Amino acid sequence: MDHDAHDNKAAEHLRPEFIGRDLYDTEVYFREEGHSEFVYDEELDIFRFPEDGRFAFCKEFADWERLWQRGYLDF
């Protein structure tokens, strides 16, 4: 499956309210349990990739393409 087709298929399954908030809430839970895969930036209230500190997601939106490219999404 090519990358564009994957993006379109993934986007079809995302509810508008899923954009950022559900991912954020899930990662907050994992962080509280000590199992977070991301680095939390408390000052900006965002999560960053542990590999390089780049923005990954916040409550309002996420870098879906980079999350997919780096293997954090499997849909």
PDB file of N, CA and C in Angstrom:
ATOM      1  N   MET A   1       0.863  -1.173   0.000  1.00  0.00           N
ATOM      2  CA  MET A   1       0.000   0.000   0.000  1.00  0.00           C
ATOM      3  C   MET A   1       0.901   1.225   0.000  1.00  0.00           C
ATOM      4  N   ASP A   2       0.642   2.181  -0.907  1.00  0.00           N
ATOM      5  CA  ASP A   2       1.483   3.359  -0.930  1.00  0.00           C
ATOM      6  C   ASP A   2       1.145   4.300   0.218  1.00  0.00           C
ATOM      7  N   HIS A   3       2.049   5.237   0.472  1.00  0.00           N
ATOM      8  CA  HIS A   3       1.924   6.129   1.629  1.00  0.00           C
ATOM      9  C   HIS A   3       0.655   6.970   1.570  1.00  0.00           C
ATOM     10  N   ASP A   4       0.314   7.545   0.410  1.00  0.00           N
ATOM     11  CA  ASP A   4      -0.891   8.374   0.291  1.00  0.00           C
ATOM     12  C   ASP A   4      -2.156   7.569   0.563  1.00  0.00           C
ATOM     13  N   ALA A   5      -2.211   6.350   0.041  1.00  0.00           N
ATOM     14  CA  ALA A   5      -3.382   5.505   0.281  1.00  0.00           C
ATOM     15  C   ALA A   5      -3.495   5.188   1.765  1.00  0.00           C
ATOM     16  N   HIS A   6      -2.374   4.957   2.423  1.00  0.00           N
ATOM     17  CA  HIS A   6      -2.389   4.688   3.870  1.00  0.00           C
ATOM     18  C   HIS A   6      -2.915   5.904   4.620  1.00  0.00           C
ATOM     19  N   ASP A   7      -2.442   7.115   4.261  1.00  0.00           N
ATOM     20  CA  ASP A   7      -2.903   8.337   4.929  1.00  0.00           C
ATOM     21  C   ASP A   7      -4.410   8.505   4.790  1.00  0.00           C
ATOM     22  N   ASN A   8      -4.930   8.268   3.594  1.00  0.00           N
ATOM     23  CA  ASN A   8      -6.369   8.422   3.367  1.00  0.00           C
ATOM     24  C   ASN A   8      -7.159   7.388   4.151  1.00  0.00           C
ATOM     25  N   LYS A   9      -6.700   6.149   4.163  1.00  0.00           N
ATOM     26  CA  LYS A   9      -7.399   5.100   4.896  1.00  0.00           C
ATOM     27  C   LYS A   9      -7.380   5.395   6.396  1.00  0.00           C
ATOM     28  N   ALA A  10      -6.234   5.805   6.918  1.00  0.00           N
ATOM     29  CA  ALA A  10      -6.136   6.126   8.345  1.00  0.00           C
ATOM     30  C   ALA A  10      -7.041   7.295   8.689  1.00  0.00           C
ATOM     31  N   ALA A  11      -7.060   8.311   7.861  1.00  0.00           N
ATOM     32  CA  ALA A  11      -7.867   9.504   8.141  1.00  0.00           C
ATOM     33  C   ALA A  11      -9.358   9.181   8.143  1.00  0.00           C
ATOM     34  N   GLU A  12      -9.795   8.216   7.345  1.00  0.00           N
ATOM     35  CA  GLU A  12     -11.211   7.846   7.296  1.00  0.00           C
ATOM     36  C   GLU A  12     -11.688   7.278   8.633  1.00  0.00           C
ATOM     37  N   HIS A  13     -10.789   6.691   9.400  1.00  0.00           N
ATOM     38  CA  HIS A  13     -11.159   6.047  10.653  1.00  0.00           C
ATOM     39  C   HIS A  13     -11.083   6.982  11.857  1.00  0.00           C
ATOM     40  N   LEU A  14     -10.561   8.193  11.651  1.00  0.00           N
ATOM     41  CA  LEU A  14     -10.399   9.117  12.767  1.00  0.00           C
ATOM     42  C   LEU A  14     -11.623  10.000  12.907  1.00  0.00           C
ATOM     43  N   ARG A  15     -12.226   9.961  14.083  1.00  0.00           N
ATOM     44  CA  ARG A  15     -13.315  10.874  14.376  1.00  0.00           C
ATOM     45  C   ARG A  15     -12.710  12.253  14.583  1.00  0.00           C
ATOM     46  N   PRO A  16     -13.415  13.326  14.248  1.00  0.00           N
ATOM     47  CA  PRO A  16     -12.855  14.661  14.459  1.00  0.00           C
ATOM     48  C   PRO A  16     -12.408  14.892  15.897  1.00  0.00           C
ATOM     49  N   GLU A  17     -13.150  14.383  16.852  1.00  0.00           N
ATOM     50  CA  GLU A  17     -12.788  14.599  18.250  1.00  0.00           C
ATOM     51  C   GLU A  17     -11.574  13.778  18.691  1.00  0.00           C
ATOM     52  N   PHE A  18     -11.152  12.828  17.845  1.00  0.00           N
ATOM     53  CA  PHE A  18      -9.968  12.035  18.166  1.00  0.00           C
ATOM     54  C   PHE A  18      -8.690  12.833  17.953  1.00  0.00           C
ATOM     55  N   ILE A  19      -8.766  13.851  17.147  1.00  0.00           N
ATOM     56  CA  ILE A  19      -7.570  14.591  16.778  1.00  0.00           C
ATOM     57  C   ILE A  19      -6.869  15.121  18.019  1.00  0.00           C
ATOM     58  N   GLY A  20      -5.868  14.454  18.420  1.00  0.00           N
ATOM     59  CA  GLY A  20      -5.038  14.868  19.532  1.00  0.00           C
ATOM     60  C   GLY A  20      -5.542  14.481  20.911  1.00  0.00           C
ATOM     61  N   ARG A  21      -6.784  14.780  21.242  1.00  0.00           N
ATOM     62  CA  ARG A  21      -7.257  14.644  22.615  1.00  0.00           C
ATOM     63  C   ARG A  21      -7.181  13.205  23.138  1.00  0.00           C
ATOM     64  N   ASP A  22      -7.709  12.241  22.392  1.00  0.00           N
ATOM     65  CA  ASP A  22      -7.695  10.854  22.859  1.00  0.00           C
ATOM     66  C   ASP A  22      -6.267  10.316  22.964  1.00  0.00           C
ATOM     67  N   LEU A  23      -5.453  10.647  21.989  1.00  0.00           N
ATOM     68  CA  LEU A  23      -4.051  10.237  22.031  1.00  0.00           C
ATOM     69  C   LEU A  23      -3.358  10.869  23.243  1.00  0.00           C
ATOM     70  N   TYR A  24      -3.610  12.143  23.467  1.00  0.00           N
ATOM     71  CA  TYR A  24      -3.040  12.855  24.613  1.00  0.00           C
ATOM     72  C   TYR A  24      -3.481  12.211  25.926  1.00  0.00           C
ATOM     73  N   ASP A  25      -4.788  11.993  26.077  1.00  0.00           N
ATOM     74  CA  ASP A  25      -5.315  11.401  27.311  1.00  0.00           C
ATOM     75  C   ASP A  25      -4.752  10.001  27.557  1.00  0.00           C
ATOM     76  N   THR A  26      -4.618   9.227  26.508  1.00  0.00           N
ATOM     77  CA  THR A  26      -4.055   7.881  26.631  1.00  0.00           C
ATOM     78  C   THR A  26      -2.605   7.943  27.085  1.00  0.00           C
ATOM     79  N   GLU A  27      -1.847   8.841  26.499  1.00  0.00           N
ATOM     80  CA  GLU A  27      -0.433   8.947  26.874  1.00  0.00           C
ATOM     81  C   GLU A  27      -0.266   9.500  28.282  1.00  0.00           C
ATOM     82  N   VAL A  28      -1.144  10.396  28.727  1.00  0.00           N
ATOM     83  CA  VAL A  28      -1.107  10.868  30.112  1.00  0.00           C
ATOM     84  C   VAL A  28      -1.304   9.685  31.054  1.00  0.00           C
ATOM     85  N   TYR A  29      -2.244   8.816  30.733  1.00  0.00           N
ATOM     86  CA  TYR A  29      -2.472   7.614  31.545  1.00  0.00           C
ATOM     87  C   TYR A  29      -1.203   6.753  31.600  1.00  0.00           C
ATOM     88  N   PHE A  30      -0.617   6.474  30.425  1.00  0.00           N
ATOM     89  CA  PHE A  30       0.597   5.657  30.388  1.00  0.00           C
ATOM     90  C   PHE A  30       1.733   6.324  31.162  1.00  0.00           C
ATOM     91  N   ARG A  31       1.822   7.635  31.062  1.00  0.00           N
ATOM     92  CA  ARG A  31       2.860   8.370  31.789  1.00  0.00           C
ATOM     93  C   ARG A  31       2.675   8.203  33.296  1.00  0.00           C
ATOM     94  N   GLU A  32       1.444   8.333  33.763  1.00  0.00           N
ATOM     95  CA  GLU A  32       1.157   8.166  35.191  1.00  0.00           C
ATOM     96  C   GLU A  32       1.482   6.755  35.676  1.00  0.00           C
ATOM     97  N   GLU A  33       1.324   5.772  34.782  1.00  0.00           N
ATOM     98  CA  GLU A  33       1.628   4.379  35.116  1.00  0.00           C
ATOM     99  C   GLU A  33       3.103   4.039  34.926  1.00  0.00           C
ATOM    100  N   GLY A  34       3.880   4.988  34.400  1.00  0.00           N
ATOM    101  CA  GLY A  34       5.312   4.773  34.189  1.00  0.00           C
ATOM    102  C   GLY A  34       5.665   4.063  32.913  1.00  0.00           C
ATOM    103  N   HIS A  35       4.776   4.114  31.918  1.00  0.00           N
ATOM    104  CA  HIS A  35       5.012   3.389  30.669  1.00  0.00           C
ATOM    105  C   HIS A  35       4.976   4.280  29.436  1.00  0.00           C
ATOM    106  N   SER A  36       5.214   5.549  29.570  1.00  0.00           N
ATOM    107  CA  SER A  36       5.139   6.469  28.434  1.00  0.00           C
ATOM    108  C   SER A  36       6.285   6.238  27.459  1.00  0.00           C
ATOM    109  N   GLU A  37       5.969   6.293  26.185  1.00  0.00           N
ATOM    110  CA  GLU A  37       6.994   6.180  25.150  1.00  0.00           C
ATOM    111  C   GLU A  37       7.472   7.549  24.699  1.00  0.00           C
ATOM    112  N   PHE A  38       6.837   8.596  25.183  1.00  0.00           N
ATOM    113  CA  PHE A  38       7.141   9.947  24.745  1.00  0.00           C
ATOM    114  C   PHE A  38       7.692  10.776  25.899  1.00  0.00           C
ATOM    115  N   VAL A  39       8.304  11.902  25.550  1.00  0.00           N
ATOM    116  CA  VAL A  39       8.817  12.839  26.540  1.00  0.00           C
ATOM    117  C   VAL A  39       7.774  13.941  26.697  1.00  0.00           C
ATOM    118  N   TYR A  40       7.377  14.183  27.933  1.00  0.00           N
ATOM    119  CA  TYR A  40       6.380  15.217  28.200  1.00  0.00           C
ATOM    120  C   TYR A  40       7.074  16.543  28.448  1.00  0.00           C
ATOM    121  N   ASP A  41       6.658  17.578  27.713  1.00  0.00           N
ATOM    122  CA  ASP A  41       7.159  18.935  27.866  1.00  0.00           C
ATOM    123  C   ASP A  41       6.124  19.687  28.693  1.00  0.00           C
ATOM    124  N   GLU A  42       6.367  19.764  29.989  1.00  0.00           N
ATOM    125  CA  GLU A  42       5.390  20.348  30.912  1.00  0.00           C
ATOM    126  C   GLU A  42       5.133  21.823  30.612  1.00  0.00           C
ATOM    127  N   GLU A  43       6.160  22.554  30.254  1.00  0.00           N
ATOM    128  CA  GLU A  43       6.011  23.989  29.982  1.00  0.00           C
ATOM    129  C   GLU A  43       5.025  24.252  28.843  1.00  0.00           C
ATOM    130  N   LEU A  44       5.096  23.460  27.782  1.00  0.00           N
ATOM    131  CA  LEU A  44       4.218  23.639  26.618  1.00  0.00           C
ATOM    132  C   LEU A  44       3.002  22.717  26.646  1.00  0.00           C
ATOM    133  N   ASP A  45       2.969  21.766  27.584  1.00  0.00           N
ATOM    134  CA  ASP A  45       1.894  20.781  27.685  1.00  0.00           C
ATOM    135  C   ASP A  45       1.743  19.987  26.392  1.00  0.00           C
ATOM    136  N   ILE A  46       2.878  19.465  25.926  1.00  0.00           N
ATOM    137  CA  ILE A  46       2.913  18.657  24.706  1.00  0.00           C
ATOM    138  C   ILE A  46       3.775  17.424  24.948  1.00  0.00           C
ATOM    139  N   PHE A  47       3.621  16.446  24.065  1.00  0.00           N
ATOM    140  CA  PHE A  47       4.485  15.273  24.082  1.00  0.00           C
ATOM    141  C   PHE A  47       5.434  15.361  22.895  1.00  0.00           C
ATOM    142  N   ARG A  48       6.672  14.943  23.138  1.00  0.00           N
ATOM    143  CA  ARG A  48       7.718  14.965  22.115  1.00  0.00           C
ATOM    144  C   ARG A  48       8.235  13.552  21.882  1.00  0.00           C
ATOM    145  N   PHE A  49       8.815  13.344  20.703  1.00  0.00           N
ATOM    146  CA  PHE A  49       9.448  12.067  20.399  1.00  0.00           C
ATOM    147  C   PHE A  49      10.722  11.922  21.224  1.00  0.00           C
ATOM    148  N   PRO A  50      10.935  10.744  21.804  1.00  0.00           N
ATOM    149  CA  PRO A  50      12.136  10.548  22.614  1.00  0.00           C
ATOM    150  C   PRO A  50      13.424  10.533  21.783  1.00  0.00           C
ATOM    151  N   GLU A  51      13.317  10.185  20.506  1.00  0.00           N
ATOM    152  CA  GLU A  51      14.497  10.064  19.654  1.00  0.00           C
ATOM    153  C   GLU A  51      15.189  11.403  19.420  1.00  0.00           C
ATOM    154  N   ASP A  52      14.395  12.458  19.240  1.00  0.00           N
ATOM    155  CA  ASP A  52      14.997  13.736  18.860  1.00  0.00           C
ATOM    156  C   ASP A  52      14.315  14.959  19.482  1.00  0.00           C
ATOM    157  N   GLY A  53      13.309  14.743  20.307  1.00  0.00           N
ATOM    158  CA  GLY A  53      12.646  15.852  20.980  1.00  0.00           C
ATOM    159  C   GLY A  53      11.682  16.652  20.127  1.00  0.00           C
ATOM    160  N   ARG A  54      11.418  16.185  18.915  1.00  0.00           N
ATOM    161  CA  ARG A  54      10.477  16.902  18.041  1.00  0.00           C
ATOM    162  C   ARG A  54       9.053  16.727  18.549  1.00  0.00           C
ATOM    163  N   PHE A  55       8.211  17.702  18.228  1.00  0.00           N
ATOM    164  CA  PHE A  55       6.804  17.661  18.603  1.00  0.00           C
ATOM    165  C   PHE A  55       6.152  16.389  18.070  1.00  0.00           C
ATOM    166  N   ALA A  56       5.373  15.711  18.920  1.00  0.00           N
ATOM    167  CA  ALA A  56       4.612  14.527  18.505  1.00  0.00           C
ATOM    168  C   ALA A  56       3.115  14.827  18.531  1.00  0.00           C
ATOM    169  N   PHE A  57       2.608  15.324  19.685  1.00  0.00           N
ATOM    170  CA  PHE A  57       1.185  15.642  19.778  1.00  0.00           C
ATOM    171  C   PHE A  57       0.889  16.451  21.031  1.00  0.00           C
ATOM    172  N   CYS A  58      -0.289  17.063  21.012  1.00  0.00           N
ATOM    173  CA  CYS A  58      -0.829  17.779  22.166  1.00  0.00           C
ATOM    174  C   CYS A  58      -2.328  17.489  22.199  1.00  0.00           C
ATOM    175  N   LYS A  59      -3.079  18.202  23.009  1.00  0.00           N
ATOM    176  CA  LYS A  59      -4.525  17.955  23.098  1.00  0.00           C
ATOM    177  C   LYS A  59      -5.251  18.293  21.798  1.00  0.00           C
ATOM    178  N   GLU A  60      -4.796  19.306  21.099  1.00  0.00           N
ATOM    179  CA  GLU A  60      -5.523  19.810  19.930  1.00  0.00           C
ATOM    180  C   GLU A  60      -5.175  19.107  18.617  1.00  0.00           C
ATOM    181  N   PHE A  61      -3.958  18.648  18.475  1.00  0.00           N
ATOM    182  CA  PHE A  61      -3.560  18.028  17.206  1.00  0.00           C
ATOM    183  C   PHE A  61      -2.322  17.169  17.405  1.00  0.00           C
ATOM    184  N   ALA A  62      -1.996  16.416  16.363  1.00  0.00           N
ATOM    185  CA  ALA A  62      -0.841  15.522  16.407  1.00  0.00           C
ATOM    186  C   ALA A  62      -0.139  15.530  15.064  1.00  0.00           C
ATOM    187  N   ASP A  63       1.113  15.171  15.071  1.00  0.00           N
ATOM    188  CA  ASP A  63       1.857  14.994  13.831  1.00  0.00           C
ATOM    189  C   ASP A  63       1.649  13.546  13.392  1.00  0.00           C
ATOM    190  N   TRP A  64       0.456  13.288  12.823  1.00  0.00           N
ATOM    191  CA  TRP A  64       0.056  11.925  12.468  1.00  0.00           C
ATOM    192  C   TRP A  64       1.036  11.275  11.515  1.00  0.00           C
ATOM    193  N   GLU A  65       1.531  12.018  10.530  1.00  0.00           N
ATOM    194  CA  GLU A  65       2.444  11.430   9.549  1.00  0.00           C
ATOM    195  C   GLU A  65       3.734  10.955  10.218  1.00  0.00           C
ATOM    196  N   ARG A  66       4.310  11.792  11.077  1.00  0.00           N
ATOM    197  CA  ARG A  66       5.550  11.400  11.751  1.00  0.00           C
ATOM    198  C   ARG A  66       5.290  10.252  12.725  1.00  0.00           C
ATOM    199  N   LEU A  67       4.147  10.256  13.408  1.00  0.00           N
ATOM    200  CA  LEU A  67       3.805   9.134  14.293  1.00  0.00           C
ATOM    201  C   LEU A  67       3.750   7.832  13.502  1.00  0.00           C
ATOM    202  N   TRP A  68       3.143   7.875  12.327  1.00  0.00           N
ATOM    203  CA  TRP A  68       3.043   6.688  11.474  1.00  0.00           C
ATOM    204  C   TRP A  68       4.419   6.273  10.963  1.00  0.00           C
ATOM    205  N   GLN A  69       5.197   7.250  10.458  1.00  0.00           N
ATOM    206  CA  GLN A  69       6.516   6.950   9.905  1.00  0.00           C
ATOM    207  C   GLN A  69       7.435   6.303  10.928  1.00  0.00           C
ATOM    208  N   ARG A  70       7.310   6.710  12.161  1.00  0.00           N
ATOM    209  CA  ARG A  70       8.207   6.200  13.207  1.00  0.00           C
ATOM    210  C   ARG A  70       7.673   4.950  13.889  1.00  0.00           C
ATOM    211  N   GLY A  71       6.547   4.447  13.417  1.00  0.00           N
ATOM    212  CA  GLY A  71       6.032   3.181  13.907  1.00  0.00           C
ATOM    213  C   GLY A  71       5.188   3.249  15.179  1.00  0.00           C
ATOM    214  N   TYR A  72       4.721   4.440  15.537  1.00  0.00           N
ATOM    215  CA  TYR A  72       3.885   4.583  16.726  1.00  0.00           C
ATOM    216  C   TYR A  72       2.411   4.289  16.437  1.00  0.00           C
ATOM    217  N   LEU A  73       2.038   4.268  15.171  1.00  0.00           N
ATOM    218  CA  LEU A  73       0.657   3.942  14.770  1.00  0.00           C
ATOM    219  C   LEU A  73       0.691   2.704  13.899  1.00  0.00           C
ATOM    220  N   ASP A  74      -0.291   1.855  14.051  1.00  0.00           N
ATOM    221  CA  ASP A  74      -0.319   0.634  13.242  1.00  0.00           C
ATOM    222  C   ASP A  74      -1.585   0.486  12.428  1.00  0.00           C
ATOM    223  N   PHE A  75      -2.264   1.583  12.169  1.00  0.00           N
ATOM    224  CA  PHE A  75      -3.463   1.530  11.320  1.00  0.00           C
ATOM    225  C   PHE A  75      -3.197   2.228  10.029  1.00  0.00           C
TER     226      PHE A  75
END
